[in-house]
Amino acid sequence: MEEILTAGLAELNIPVPEGALERLRGYYELLSERNAVMDLTAITGEENTARLHFLDCAALLRMAELGGKRLIDVGSGAGFPGLPLKILSPDTRVTLLDSLRKRADFTAECIERLGLEGIESLCLRAEEAPKELRESYDIAVSRAVARLNLLCELCLPFVRVGGLFLAMKGPDCEEEASAAANAAGQLGARIRGVEKYTVPGTEVSHAAVVIEKLAPTPEQFPRRWARMQKKPL
């Protein structure tokens, strides 16, 4: 795993902080152990985890400067992309947000076992988050599977004016991004573009939609999840 990560991060031109490879190894081992009973991820094995989880998430470091920033991972699941980003950018302050207790407990255990500081795991629905989290982050990220217009409503309220939302998507997401432009506009943002990349050592292509926060999000957003689904922006 360490050789795959070293080569892949070099290909992405991402420096490796001291202790990062050891922490990614520890993260993998705990993920594998818990996944046997908790069904945290369908991606298993050292090589697949290194490439399709860790290096895939690391690609976001090429799209925004995270050092010293405050970042929230909405719908973090087993910790992707927020935990690898924290390990590879140690001075980024990270919040992992997930609505399912078992996943939030797992990422909290990872944080403790890996000795990470400046990172927290919260069990909350994004649309029910307390007001003190609103527009308090420089960057929001999400690897969730929801449509982008829904993700915009969940994530952009967390982002300060001038900040970014990076939504991880498949390679053919231009149509989805175009369809979400109206939602982004209503939420005080604009879609800056789609950044495509290939996961090192694979032929797997992914993309990140880069969305810039231009103005405060109106107070009525986010709405309740059922309302978002019934009447999406």
Protein backbone atom coordinates (compact mmCIF):
# COMPACT_ATOMS: atom_id res chain seq x y z
CA MET A 1 0.00 0.00 0.00
CA GLU A 2 2.74 2.46 0.92
CA GLU A 3 4.43 2.10 -2.48
CA ILE A 4 1.12 2.66 -4.30
CA LEU A 5 0.39 5.76 -2.24
CA THR A 6 3.89 7.19 -2.61
CA ALA A 7 3.84 6.79 -6.39
CA GLY A 8 0.26 7.99 -6.74
CA LEU A 9 0.73 11.09 -4.60
CA ALA A 10 3.88 11.93 -6.55
CA GLU A 11 1.89 11.62 -9.78
CA LEU A 12 -0.71 13.99 -8.35
CA ASN A 13 2.14 16.30 -7.23
CA ILE A 14 0.94 16.16 -3.63
CA PRO A 15 3.59 16.24 -0.87
CA VAL A 16 3.45 13.54 1.79
CA PRO A 17 3.46 14.93 5.35
CA GLU A 18 5.47 13.12 7.99
CA GLY A 19 3.54 10.17 9.36
CA ALA A 20 0.82 10.34 6.68
CA LEU A 21 1.54 6.94 5.15
CA GLU A 22 1.50 5.29 8.55
CA ARG A 23 -1.82 6.95 9.36
CA LEU A 24 -3.36 5.91 6.05
CA ARG A 25 -2.20 2.36 6.77
CA GLY A 26 -3.81 2.53 10.22
CA TYR A 27 -7.00 3.94 8.72
CA TYR A 28 -7.11 1.09 6.20
CA GLU A 29 -6.60 -1.54 8.89
CA LEU A 30 -9.37 -0.16 11.09
CA LEU A 31 -11.69 0.25 8.10
CA SER A 32 -11.08 -3.37 7.08
CA GLU A 33 -11.67 -4.60 10.62
CA ARG A 34 -14.92 -2.70 11.11
CA ASN A 35 -16.16 -3.25 7.55
CA ALA A 36 -16.44 -6.97 8.23
CA VAL A 37 -19.35 -6.30 10.58
CA MET A 38 -20.58 -2.78 9.70
CA ASP A 39 -20.76 -2.68 5.88
CA LEU A 40 -18.93 0.64 5.61
CA THR A 41 -17.58 0.32 2.06
CA ALA A 42 -17.80 -1.91 -1.00
CA ILE A 43 -14.18 -1.11 -1.89
CA THR A 44 -11.87 -3.58 -0.14
CA GLY A 45 -8.27 -4.76 -0.27
CA GLU A 46 -5.06 -2.76 0.03
CA GLU A 47 -4.63 -1.79 -3.62
CA ASN A 48 -8.26 -0.85 -4.25
CA THR A 49 -8.49 1.12 -1.03
CA ALA A 50 -5.23 2.93 -1.73
CA ARG A 51 -6.26 3.89 -5.24
CA LEU A 52 -10.05 4.16 -5.25
CA HIS A 53 -10.41 5.71 -1.81
CA PHE A 54 -7.21 7.41 -0.69
CA LEU A 55 -5.77 8.64 -4.01
CA ASP A 56 -9.22 9.49 -5.36
CA CYS A 57 -9.87 11.72 -2.35
CA ALA A 58 -6.35 13.17 -2.46
CA ALA A 59 -7.02 14.57 -5.94
CA LEU A 60 -9.12 17.31 -4.30
CA LEU A 61 -5.88 18.78 -2.93
CA ARG A 62 -5.04 19.87 -6.48
CA MET A 63 -8.26 21.86 -6.80
CA ALA A 64 -8.13 24.11 -3.76
CA GLU A 65 -5.62 25.24 -1.16
CA LEU A 66 -6.69 23.55 2.06
CA GLY A 67 -3.80 24.50 4.33
CA GLY A 68 -5.01 26.45 7.35
CA LYS A 69 -8.61 26.35 6.09
CA ARG A 70 -11.78 25.11 7.79
CA LEU A 71 -13.43 22.25 5.87
CA ILE A 72 -16.66 20.29 6.29
CA ASP A 73 -17.29 16.89 4.69
CA VAL A 74 -21.06 16.52 4.27
CA GLY A 75 -22.26 12.92 4.21
CA SER A 76 -18.81 11.66 5.14
CA GLY A 77 -19.81 8.00 5.51
CA ALA A 78 -16.70 6.03 6.44
CA GLY A 79 -14.68 9.26 6.30
CA PHE A 80 -14.29 9.97 2.60
CA PRO A 81 -12.98 12.39 1.51
CA GLY A 82 -12.53 14.25 4.81
CA LEU A 83 -10.24 11.86 6.69
CA PRO A 84 -7.67 11.35 3.89
CA LEU A 85 -7.68 15.12 3.30
CA LYS A 86 -6.95 15.74 6.97
CA ILE A 87 -4.14 13.17 7.01
CA LEU A 88 -2.56 14.71 3.89
CA SER A 89 -3.18 18.32 4.96
CA PRO A 90 -2.67 18.22 8.74
CA ASP A 91 -3.26 21.93 9.40
CA THR A 92 -6.72 21.86 7.81
CA ARG A 93 -9.47 21.95 10.45
CA VAL A 94 -12.04 19.33 9.49
CA THR A 95 -15.61 18.48 10.45
CA LEU A 96 -16.99 15.11 9.38
CA LEU A 97 -20.79 15.20 9.18
CA ASP A 98 -22.98 12.12 8.81
CA SER A 99 -26.55 11.35 9.78
CA LEU A 100 -25.96 7.70 10.71
CA ARG A 101 -24.66 7.04 14.20
CA LYS A 102 -22.61 3.93 13.36
CA ARG A 103 -20.68 5.83 10.69
CA ALA A 104 -20.10 8.86 12.91
CA ASP A 105 -18.92 6.57 15.71
CA PHE A 106 -16.55 4.82 13.30
CA THR A 107 -14.94 8.06 12.12
CA ALA A 108 -14.70 9.26 15.74
CA GLU A 109 -12.84 6.02 16.54
CA CYS A 110 -10.52 6.61 13.58
CA ILE A 111 -9.74 10.13 14.80
CA GLU A 112 -8.83 8.80 18.25
CA ARG A 113 -6.87 5.76 17.04
CA LEU A 114 -4.87 7.80 14.52
CA GLY A 115 -4.08 10.55 17.02
CA LEU A 116 -5.53 13.31 14.85
CA GLU A 117 -6.14 16.81 16.18
CA GLY A 118 -8.20 19.62 14.67
CA ILE A 119 -10.89 17.25 13.40
CA GLU A 120 -14.32 16.30 14.76
CA SER A 121 -17.04 13.81 13.83
CA LEU A 122 -20.67 14.95 14.19
CA CYS A 123 -23.79 12.83 13.87
CA LEU A 124 -26.26 15.30 12.32
CA ARG A 125 -28.44 15.71 9.29
CA ALA A 126 -27.02 18.56 7.24
CA GLU A 127 -30.38 20.35 7.03
CA GLU A 128 -30.72 20.20 10.84
CA ALA A 129 -27.24 21.49 11.69
CA PRO A 130 -27.06 24.24 14.35
CA LYS A 131 -26.90 27.86 13.22
CA GLU A 132 -23.37 28.34 14.53
CA LEU A 133 -22.11 26.07 11.73
CA ARG A 134 -23.81 28.15 9.05
CA GLU A 135 -21.40 29.94 6.67
CA SER A 136 -18.49 29.12 8.98
CA TYR A 137 -16.40 26.96 6.63
CA ASP A 138 -13.96 27.91 3.90
CA ILE A 139 -14.61 24.71 1.97
CA ALA A 140 -17.33 22.06 1.85
CA VAL A 141 -16.70 18.71 0.19
CA SER A 142 -18.99 15.80 -0.55
CA ARG A 143 -18.63 12.39 -2.10
CA ALA A 144 -22.31 11.62 -1.57
CA VAL A 145 -24.41 10.07 -4.32
CA ALA A 146 -27.25 12.61 -4.32
CA ARG A 147 -27.94 14.78 -7.35
CA LEU A 148 -25.89 17.97 -7.44
CA ASN A 149 -28.85 20.33 -7.06
CA LEU A 150 -29.72 18.58 -3.78
CA LEU A 151 -26.10 18.55 -2.63
CA CYS A 152 -25.87 22.29 -3.29
CA GLU A 153 -28.78 22.94 -0.94
CA LEU A 154 -27.27 20.70 1.74
CA CYS A 155 -23.69 21.95 1.48
CA LEU A 156 -23.62 25.59 0.39
CA PRO A 157 -25.26 26.95 3.56
CA PHE A 158 -22.13 25.82 5.45
CA VAL A 159 -19.76 27.80 3.16
CA ARG A 160 -18.72 31.37 3.85
CA VAL A 161 -18.87 33.97 1.09
CA GLY A 162 -15.72 33.56 -0.98
CA GLY A 163 -15.44 29.88 -0.11
CA LEU A 164 -15.84 26.77 -2.25
CA PHE A 165 -17.93 23.63 -2.48
CA LEU A 166 -16.16 20.69 -4.15
CA ALA A 167 -18.58 17.94 -5.19
CA MET A 168 -17.00 14.64 -6.21
CA LYS A 169 -18.77 13.13 -9.22
CA GLY A 170 -18.33 10.71 -12.11
CA PRO A 171 -16.60 11.82 -15.30
CA ASP A 172 -19.78 12.56 -17.27
CA CYS A 173 -21.26 15.11 -14.91
CA GLU A 174 -21.42 18.19 -17.16
CA GLU A 175 -25.15 17.81 -17.73
CA GLU A 176 -25.78 17.38 -14.02
CA ALA A 177 -23.64 20.43 -13.28
CA SER A 178 -25.48 22.49 -15.87
CA ALA A 179 -28.82 21.42 -14.41
CA ALA A 180 -27.65 22.51 -10.94
CA ALA A 181 -26.65 26.02 -12.03
CA ASN A 182 -30.05 27.44 -11.11
CA ALA A 183 -29.94 25.84 -7.66
CA ALA A 184 -26.45 27.21 -7.06
CA GLY A 185 -27.62 30.68 -8.07
CA GLN A 186 -30.56 30.63 -5.66
CA LEU A 187 -28.16 29.60 -2.88
CA GLY A 188 -25.72 32.46 -3.53
CA ALA A 189 -23.19 30.56 -5.61
CA ARG A 190 -22.04 29.85 -9.14
CA ILE A 191 -20.56 26.78 -10.77
CA ARG A 192 -16.98 27.66 -11.64
CA GLY A 193 -16.28 24.51 -13.63
CA VAL A 194 -15.70 20.77 -13.72
CA GLU A 195 -12.21 19.43 -12.94
CA LYS A 196 -11.59 15.95 -14.36
CA TYR A 197 -8.82 13.61 -13.28
CA THR A 198 -7.68 10.00 -13.59
CA VAL A 199 -6.97 8.05 -10.42
CA PRO A 200 -3.23 7.19 -10.50
CA GLY A 201 -2.45 3.65 -11.54
CA THR A 202 -5.93 3.07 -12.97
CA GLU A 203 -8.07 3.94 -15.95
CA VAL A 204 -10.76 5.28 -13.63
CA SER A 205 -11.80 8.85 -14.43
CA HIS A 206 -13.61 11.02 -11.93
CA ALA A 207 -14.45 14.70 -11.64
CA ALA A 208 -15.06 17.40 -9.07
CA VAL A 209 -17.57 20.17 -9.65
CA VAL A 210 -16.11 23.41 -8.28
CA ILE A 211 -18.75 25.81 -6.95
CA GLU A 212 -17.91 29.28 -5.65
CA LYS A 213 -19.93 31.03 -2.92
CA LEU A 214 -20.63 34.63 -3.97
CA ALA A 215 -23.30 35.80 -1.53
CA PRO A 216 -24.97 34.63 1.71
CA THR A 217 -27.42 31.76 1.31
CA PRO A 218 -31.02 32.92 1.99
CA GLU A 219 -32.24 31.89 5.44
CA GLN A 220 -34.98 29.57 4.12
CA PHE A 221 -32.34 27.14 2.86
CA PRO A 222 -31.72 24.32 3.44
CA ARG A 223 -35.29 23.04 3.54
CA ARG A 224 -36.37 19.71 4.99
CA TRP A 225 -35.05 16.72 3.04
CA ALA A 226 -38.50 15.55 1.99
CA ARG A 227 -39.26 19.04 0.66
CA MET A 228 -35.99 19.15 -1.27
CA GLN A 229 -36.78 15.85 -2.93
CA LYS A 230 -40.37 16.78 -3.68
CA LYS A 231 -39.55 20.20 -5.09
CA PRO A 232 -35.84 20.45 -5.94
CA LEU A 233 -34.33 23.79 -6.85
